[in-house]
C-alpha cells in the first residue's frame, strides 16, 4: 500500500512540475534585421530563439568574425559587407541539456521579406 501511494505521489509531482523538454537543433529559429550604412556595408542584428521551450532556456550567439559589435544572450550585432558571408553559432541550454547550430548569416538574412526570419 505504501508503494502505491509513493508511486501515485510521484506521478502527481511530475504532472505538476513536468521535466524540461530535451533540446533539439531543429527547434532553433534565427531572425535577422539588417540596416544599410552609407559606405555600402551594413549592420546585422541576429537573434536566436527556440519554439516551445518555455522560459528556462539560455541562449548564446558567437560569430567567426572580428566585426562583432555587441553580444548579449540571444542577440548579436555585427558589421559586415553584404557580399561577404560568415558563420554564427547559436547555443541553447535548458535543464535537460543543450544544443547548438551553426548557420550562414547570408542565408539567414536572405529569408522572405515578409517575415525576415530563417528557420534552420
N, C-alpha and C. Protein backbone atom coordinates (compact mmCIF):
# COMPACT_ATOMS: atom_id res chain seq x y z
N UNK A 1 0.82 -1.19 0.00
CA UNK A 1 0.00 0.00 0.00
C UNK A 1 0.87 1.26 0.00
N UNK A 2 1.95 1.22 0.76
CA UNK A 2 2.83 2.38 0.82
C UNK A 2 3.48 2.65 -0.54
N UNK A 3 3.88 1.60 -1.25
CA UNK A 3 4.49 1.76 -2.56
C UNK A 3 3.53 2.42 -3.55
N UNK A 4 2.29 1.99 -3.53
CA UNK A 4 1.31 2.59 -4.44
C UNK A 4 1.15 4.07 -4.16
N UNK A 5 1.14 4.44 -2.90
CA UNK A 5 0.97 5.84 -2.53
C UNK A 5 2.18 6.65 -2.98
N UNK A 6 3.36 6.13 -2.78
CA UNK A 6 4.57 6.84 -3.20
C UNK A 6 4.57 6.98 -4.71
N UNK A 7 4.22 5.92 -5.44
CA UNK A 7 4.16 5.98 -6.89
C UNK A 7 3.13 6.99 -7.36
N UNK A 8 2.01 7.04 -6.72
CA UNK A 8 0.95 7.99 -7.08
C UNK A 8 1.43 9.42 -6.83
N UNK A 9 2.10 9.63 -5.71
CA UNK A 9 2.62 10.97 -5.43
C UNK A 9 3.66 11.38 -6.46
N UNK A 10 4.47 10.44 -6.90
CA UNK A 10 5.48 10.73 -7.91
C UNK A 10 4.82 11.16 -9.22
N UNK A 11 3.75 10.49 -9.62
CA UNK A 11 3.03 10.84 -10.84
C UNK A 11 2.42 12.24 -10.70
N UNK A 12 1.85 12.55 -9.55
CA UNK A 12 1.27 13.87 -9.32
C UNK A 12 2.37 14.93 -9.37
N UNK A 13 3.52 14.65 -8.77
CA UNK A 13 4.63 15.60 -8.77
C UNK A 13 5.11 15.86 -10.20
N UNK A 14 5.20 14.84 -11.03
CA UNK A 14 5.62 15.01 -12.42
C UNK A 14 4.57 15.79 -13.22
N UNK A 15 3.30 15.58 -12.91
CA UNK A 15 2.24 16.30 -13.61
C UNK A 15 2.27 17.78 -13.26
N UNK A 16 2.56 18.10 -12.00
CA UNK A 16 2.59 19.49 -11.56
C UNK A 16 3.89 20.19 -11.94
N UNK A 17 4.99 19.46 -11.98
CA UNK A 17 6.31 20.02 -12.31
C UNK A 17 6.93 19.18 -13.42
N UNK A 18 6.46 19.34 -14.65
CA UNK A 18 7.00 18.50 -15.73
C UNK A 18 8.48 18.76 -15.98
N UNK A 19 9.15 17.72 -16.43
CA UNK A 19 10.57 17.85 -16.76
C UNK A 19 10.72 18.71 -18.01
N UNK A 20 11.82 19.45 -18.12
CA UNK A 20 12.02 20.28 -19.31
C UNK A 20 12.17 19.42 -20.56
N UNK A 21 11.75 19.97 -21.68
CA UNK A 21 11.83 19.27 -22.95
C UNK A 21 13.29 19.17 -23.39
N UNK A 22 13.67 18.03 -23.93
CA UNK A 22 15.01 17.83 -24.45
C UNK A 22 15.20 18.74 -25.66
N UNK A 23 16.30 19.44 -25.70
CA UNK A 23 16.56 20.40 -26.75
C UNK A 23 16.87 19.72 -28.08
N UNK A 24 16.46 20.36 -29.16
CA UNK A 24 16.74 19.86 -30.50
C UNK A 24 17.11 21.04 -31.39
N UNK A 25 18.17 20.91 -32.15
CA UNK A 25 18.60 21.99 -33.04
C UNK A 25 17.53 22.33 -34.07
N UNK A 26 16.65 21.39 -34.37
CA UNK A 26 15.60 21.66 -35.36
C UNK A 26 14.60 22.69 -34.86
N UNK A 27 14.57 22.96 -33.56
CA UNK A 27 13.66 23.96 -33.00
C UNK A 27 14.25 25.37 -33.00
N UNK A 28 15.52 25.51 -33.30
CA UNK A 28 16.14 26.84 -33.27
C UNK A 28 15.62 27.71 -34.41
N UNK A 29 15.32 28.94 -34.08
CA UNK A 29 14.83 29.92 -35.06
C UNK A 29 15.79 31.10 -35.04
N UNK A 30 16.22 31.53 -36.21
CA UNK A 30 17.15 32.63 -36.34
C UNK A 30 16.44 33.80 -37.01
N UNK A 31 16.53 34.97 -36.42
CA UNK A 31 15.95 36.17 -37.01
C UNK A 31 17.06 37.13 -37.37
N UNK A 32 16.88 37.84 -38.47
CA UNK A 32 17.88 38.76 -38.98
C UNK A 32 17.23 40.10 -39.28
N UNK A 33 17.85 41.17 -38.79
CA UNK A 33 17.43 42.53 -39.13
C UNK A 33 18.66 43.27 -39.66
N UNK A 34 18.56 43.81 -40.87
CA UNK A 34 19.69 44.50 -41.49
C UNK A 34 19.43 46.00 -41.52
N UNK A 35 20.52 46.77 -41.41
CA UNK A 35 20.45 48.22 -41.56
C UNK A 35 21.63 48.66 -42.42
N UNK A 36 21.36 49.21 -43.62
CA UNK A 36 22.45 49.63 -44.51
C UNK A 36 23.20 50.84 -43.95
N UNK A 37 24.48 50.89 -44.24
CA UNK A 37 25.33 52.03 -43.87
C UNK A 37 25.69 52.81 -45.13
N UNK A 38 26.12 54.05 -44.97
CA UNK A 38 26.46 54.91 -46.12
C UNK A 38 27.64 54.39 -46.93
N UNK A 39 28.52 53.60 -46.34
CA UNK A 39 29.71 53.13 -47.04
C UNK A 39 29.49 51.83 -47.82
N UNK A 40 28.24 51.36 -47.91
CA UNK A 40 27.94 50.11 -48.63
C UNK A 40 27.92 48.90 -47.74
N UNK A 41 28.40 49.01 -46.52
CA UNK A 41 28.34 47.91 -45.57
C UNK A 41 26.99 47.95 -44.86
N UNK A 42 26.81 47.06 -43.90
CA UNK A 42 25.57 47.04 -43.14
C UNK A 42 25.81 46.51 -41.74
N UNK A 43 24.92 46.89 -40.83
CA UNK A 43 24.91 46.24 -39.52
C UNK A 43 23.82 45.19 -39.57
N UNK A 44 24.05 44.10 -38.89
CA UNK A 44 23.10 43.00 -38.87
C UNK A 44 22.86 42.61 -37.42
N UNK A 45 21.59 42.62 -37.02
CA UNK A 45 21.21 42.14 -35.69
C UNK A 45 20.62 40.75 -35.86
N UNK A 46 21.21 39.79 -35.17
CA UNK A 46 20.73 38.41 -35.21
C UNK A 46 20.18 38.05 -33.84
N UNK A 47 19.10 37.29 -33.85
CA UNK A 47 18.51 36.82 -32.59
C UNK A 47 18.17 35.34 -32.74
N UNK A 48 18.51 34.59 -31.72
CA UNK A 48 18.26 33.15 -31.72
C UNK A 48 17.19 32.84 -30.67
N UNK A 49 16.25 32.01 -31.05
CA UNK A 49 15.23 31.56 -30.10
C UNK A 49 14.82 30.14 -30.46
N UNK A 50 14.03 29.54 -29.61
CA UNK A 50 13.58 28.17 -29.85
C UNK A 50 12.08 28.09 -29.61
N UNK A 51 11.43 27.34 -30.45
CA UNK A 51 9.98 27.17 -30.32
C UNK A 51 9.65 26.20 -29.20
N UNK A 52 8.64 26.52 -28.44
CA UNK A 52 8.05 25.63 -27.43
C UNK A 52 9.01 25.18 -26.34
N UNK A 53 10.00 25.98 -26.00
CA UNK A 53 10.92 25.58 -24.95
C UNK A 53 10.68 26.31 -23.65
N UNK A 54 9.77 27.23 -23.60
CA UNK A 54 9.45 27.93 -22.36
C UNK A 54 10.51 28.94 -21.96
N UNK A 55 10.50 29.29 -20.68
CA UNK A 55 11.35 30.36 -20.18
C UNK A 55 12.68 29.89 -19.58
N UNK A 56 12.86 28.60 -19.40
CA UNK A 56 14.08 28.08 -18.78
C UNK A 56 15.22 27.88 -19.77
N UNK A 57 15.26 28.64 -20.84
CA UNK A 57 16.28 28.45 -21.87
C UNK A 57 17.22 29.65 -21.86
N UNK A 58 18.51 29.36 -21.90
CA UNK A 58 19.53 30.40 -22.02
C UNK A 58 20.17 30.24 -23.40
N UNK A 59 20.44 31.37 -24.03
CA UNK A 59 21.00 31.38 -25.39
C UNK A 59 22.34 32.09 -25.40
N UNK A 60 23.16 31.71 -26.37
CA UNK A 60 24.37 32.47 -26.66
C UNK A 60 24.61 32.40 -28.16
N UNK A 61 25.09 33.50 -28.69
CA UNK A 61 25.43 33.59 -30.11
C UNK A 61 26.89 34.00 -30.23
N UNK A 62 27.61 33.37 -31.13
CA UNK A 62 29.01 33.71 -31.36
C UNK A 62 29.29 33.66 -32.85
N UNK A 63 30.10 34.60 -33.32
CA UNK A 63 30.44 34.62 -34.74
C UNK A 63 31.92 34.30 -34.94
N UNK A 64 32.26 33.95 -36.18
CA UNK A 64 33.66 33.70 -36.53
C UNK A 64 34.29 34.95 -37.11
N UNK A 65 33.68 36.09 -36.84
CA UNK A 65 34.13 37.35 -37.42
C UNK A 65 34.73 38.27 -36.36
N UNK A 66 35.61 39.13 -36.81
CA UNK A 66 36.19 40.15 -35.92
C UNK A 66 35.34 41.42 -35.93
N UNK A 67 34.20 41.37 -36.62
CA UNK A 67 33.36 42.55 -36.76
C UNK A 67 32.17 42.54 -35.80
N UNK A 68 32.28 41.77 -34.74
CA UNK A 68 31.21 41.70 -33.75
C UNK A 68 31.17 43.02 -32.98
N UNK A 69 30.01 43.65 -32.97
CA UNK A 69 29.87 44.93 -32.28
C UNK A 69 29.31 44.77 -30.87
N UNK A 70 28.38 43.82 -30.72
CA UNK A 70 27.70 43.64 -29.43
C UNK A 70 27.14 42.23 -29.36
N UNK A 71 27.24 41.62 -28.19
CA UNK A 71 26.68 40.29 -27.99
C UNK A 71 26.11 40.21 -26.58
N UNK A 72 24.87 39.76 -26.49
CA UNK A 72 24.24 39.60 -25.18
C UNK A 72 23.14 38.55 -25.28
N UNK A 73 23.32 37.44 -24.56
CA UNK A 73 22.29 36.39 -24.56
C UNK A 73 21.98 35.91 -25.96
N UNK A 74 20.72 36.09 -26.37
CA UNK A 74 20.31 35.56 -27.68
C UNK A 74 20.50 36.56 -28.82
N UNK A 75 21.13 37.71 -28.56
CA UNK A 75 21.30 38.73 -29.61
C UNK A 75 22.76 38.97 -29.94
N UNK A 76 23.00 39.27 -31.20
CA UNK A 76 24.34 39.55 -31.69
C UNK A 76 24.23 40.64 -32.73
N UNK A 77 25.06 41.68 -32.61
CA UNK A 77 25.10 42.76 -33.59
C UNK A 77 26.47 42.73 -34.25
N UNK A 78 26.48 42.66 -35.57
CA UNK A 78 27.73 42.61 -36.31
C UNK A 78 27.72 43.66 -37.42
N UNK A 79 28.90 43.99 -37.89
CA UNK A 79 29.09 44.84 -39.06
C UNK A 79 29.63 43.94 -40.14
N UNK A 80 29.13 44.11 -41.38
CA UNK A 80 29.63 43.26 -42.46
C UNK A 80 29.42 43.91 -43.81
N UNK A 81 30.20 43.43 -44.78
CA UNK A 81 30.00 43.74 -46.18
C UNK A 81 28.95 42.74 -46.68
N UNK A 82 27.87 43.19 -47.30
CA UNK A 82 26.82 42.26 -47.74
C UNK A 82 27.30 41.17 -48.70
N UNK A 83 28.42 41.40 -49.38
CA UNK A 83 28.95 40.41 -50.31
C UNK A 83 29.66 39.27 -49.58
N UNK A 84 30.10 39.52 -48.36
CA UNK A 84 30.83 38.51 -47.59
C UNK A 84 29.87 37.67 -46.77
N UNK A 85 30.28 36.47 -46.48
CA UNK A 85 29.49 35.61 -45.60
C UNK A 85 30.31 35.25 -44.38
N UNK A 86 29.64 34.98 -43.30
CA UNK A 86 30.30 34.48 -42.12
C UNK A 86 29.36 33.54 -41.40
N UNK A 87 29.90 32.76 -40.51
CA UNK A 87 29.09 31.80 -39.76
C UNK A 87 28.86 32.30 -38.35
N UNK A 88 27.68 31.97 -37.85
CA UNK A 88 27.30 32.31 -36.48
C UNK A 88 26.76 31.03 -35.84
N UNK A 89 27.16 30.80 -34.59
CA UNK A 89 26.67 29.63 -33.86
C UNK A 89 25.74 30.07 -32.75
N UNK A 90 24.59 29.43 -32.71
CA UNK A 90 23.61 29.66 -31.64
C UNK A 90 23.61 28.44 -30.74
N UNK A 91 23.73 28.66 -29.44
CA UNK A 91 23.65 27.57 -28.46
C UNK A 91 22.49 27.85 -27.53
N UNK A 92 21.65 26.86 -27.34
CA UNK A 92 20.51 26.97 -26.43
C UNK A 92 20.67 25.90 -25.35
N UNK A 93 20.47 26.30 -24.10
CA UNK A 93 20.65 25.40 -22.97
C UNK A 93 19.45 25.49 -22.04
N UNK A 94 18.94 24.34 -21.60
CA UNK A 94 17.92 24.29 -20.55
C UNK A 94 18.32 23.19 -19.57
N UNK A 95 17.56 22.98 -18.49
CA UNK A 95 17.96 21.96 -17.51
C UNK A 95 18.09 20.54 -18.08
N UNK A 96 17.47 20.26 -19.22
CA UNK A 96 17.54 18.92 -19.80
C UNK A 96 18.76 18.72 -20.68
N UNK A 97 19.43 19.80 -21.10
CA UNK A 97 20.59 19.66 -21.96
C UNK A 97 20.83 20.90 -22.79
N UNK A 98 21.63 20.75 -23.83
CA UNK A 98 21.89 21.89 -24.72
C UNK A 98 22.07 21.39 -26.15
N UNK A 99 21.92 22.33 -27.06
CA UNK A 99 22.14 22.04 -28.48
C UNK A 99 22.65 23.31 -29.13
N UNK A 100 23.31 23.17 -30.25
CA UNK A 100 23.76 24.35 -30.97
C UNK A 100 23.65 24.10 -32.47
N UNK A 101 23.63 25.20 -33.19
CA UNK A 101 23.50 25.14 -34.64
C UNK A 101 24.34 26.26 -35.22
N UNK A 102 25.14 25.95 -36.22
CA UNK A 102 25.92 26.95 -36.93
C UNK A 102 25.21 27.25 -38.24
N UNK A 103 25.10 28.52 -38.57
CA UNK A 103 24.39 28.90 -39.78
C UNK A 103 25.10 30.05 -40.48
N UNK A 104 24.77 30.22 -41.73
CA UNK A 104 25.31 31.27 -42.58
C UNK A 104 24.50 32.54 -42.37
N UNK A 105 25.18 33.66 -42.11
CA UNK A 105 24.49 34.93 -41.95
C UNK A 105 23.83 35.33 -43.27
N UNK A 106 24.51 35.10 -44.35
CA UNK A 106 23.97 35.46 -45.67
C UNK A 106 22.64 34.74 -45.92
N UNK A 107 22.59 33.44 -45.65
CA UNK A 107 21.36 32.68 -45.85
C UNK A 107 20.27 33.11 -44.87
N UNK A 108 20.65 33.36 -43.63
CA UNK A 108 19.65 33.78 -42.63
C UNK A 108 19.03 35.11 -43.01
N UNK A 109 19.82 36.00 -43.59
CA UNK A 109 19.32 37.33 -43.94
C UNK A 109 18.65 37.37 -45.31
N UNK A 110 18.70 36.28 -46.05
CA UNK A 110 18.01 36.21 -47.33
C UNK A 110 16.64 35.56 -47.20
N UNK A 111 16.14 35.43 -46.00
CA UNK A 111 14.82 34.84 -45.76
C UNK A 111 13.76 35.72 -46.40
N UNK A 112 12.57 35.20 -46.60
CA UNK A 112 11.49 36.00 -47.20
C UNK A 112 11.28 37.32 -46.45
N UNK A 113 11.08 38.40 -47.21
CA UNK A 113 10.96 39.73 -46.63
C UNK A 113 9.78 39.87 -45.69
N UNK A 114 8.68 39.15 -45.92
CA UNK A 114 7.51 39.33 -45.07
C UNK A 114 7.76 38.90 -43.63
N UNK A 115 8.66 37.95 -43.40
CA UNK A 115 8.94 37.53 -42.03
C UNK A 115 10.36 37.90 -41.62
N UNK A 116 11.27 38.03 -42.57
CA UNK A 116 12.68 38.32 -42.30
C UNK A 116 13.27 37.32 -41.30
N UNK A 117 12.78 36.08 -41.34
CA UNK A 117 13.18 35.05 -40.40
C UNK A 117 13.57 33.79 -41.16
N UNK A 118 14.64 33.18 -40.71
CA UNK A 118 15.05 31.91 -41.30
C UNK A 118 14.97 30.82 -40.24
N UNK A 119 14.43 29.69 -40.60
CA UNK A 119 14.36 28.56 -39.69
C UNK A 119 15.35 27.52 -40.18
N UNK A 120 16.23 27.09 -39.33
CA UNK A 120 17.28 26.13 -39.71
C UNK A 120 17.12 24.87 -38.95
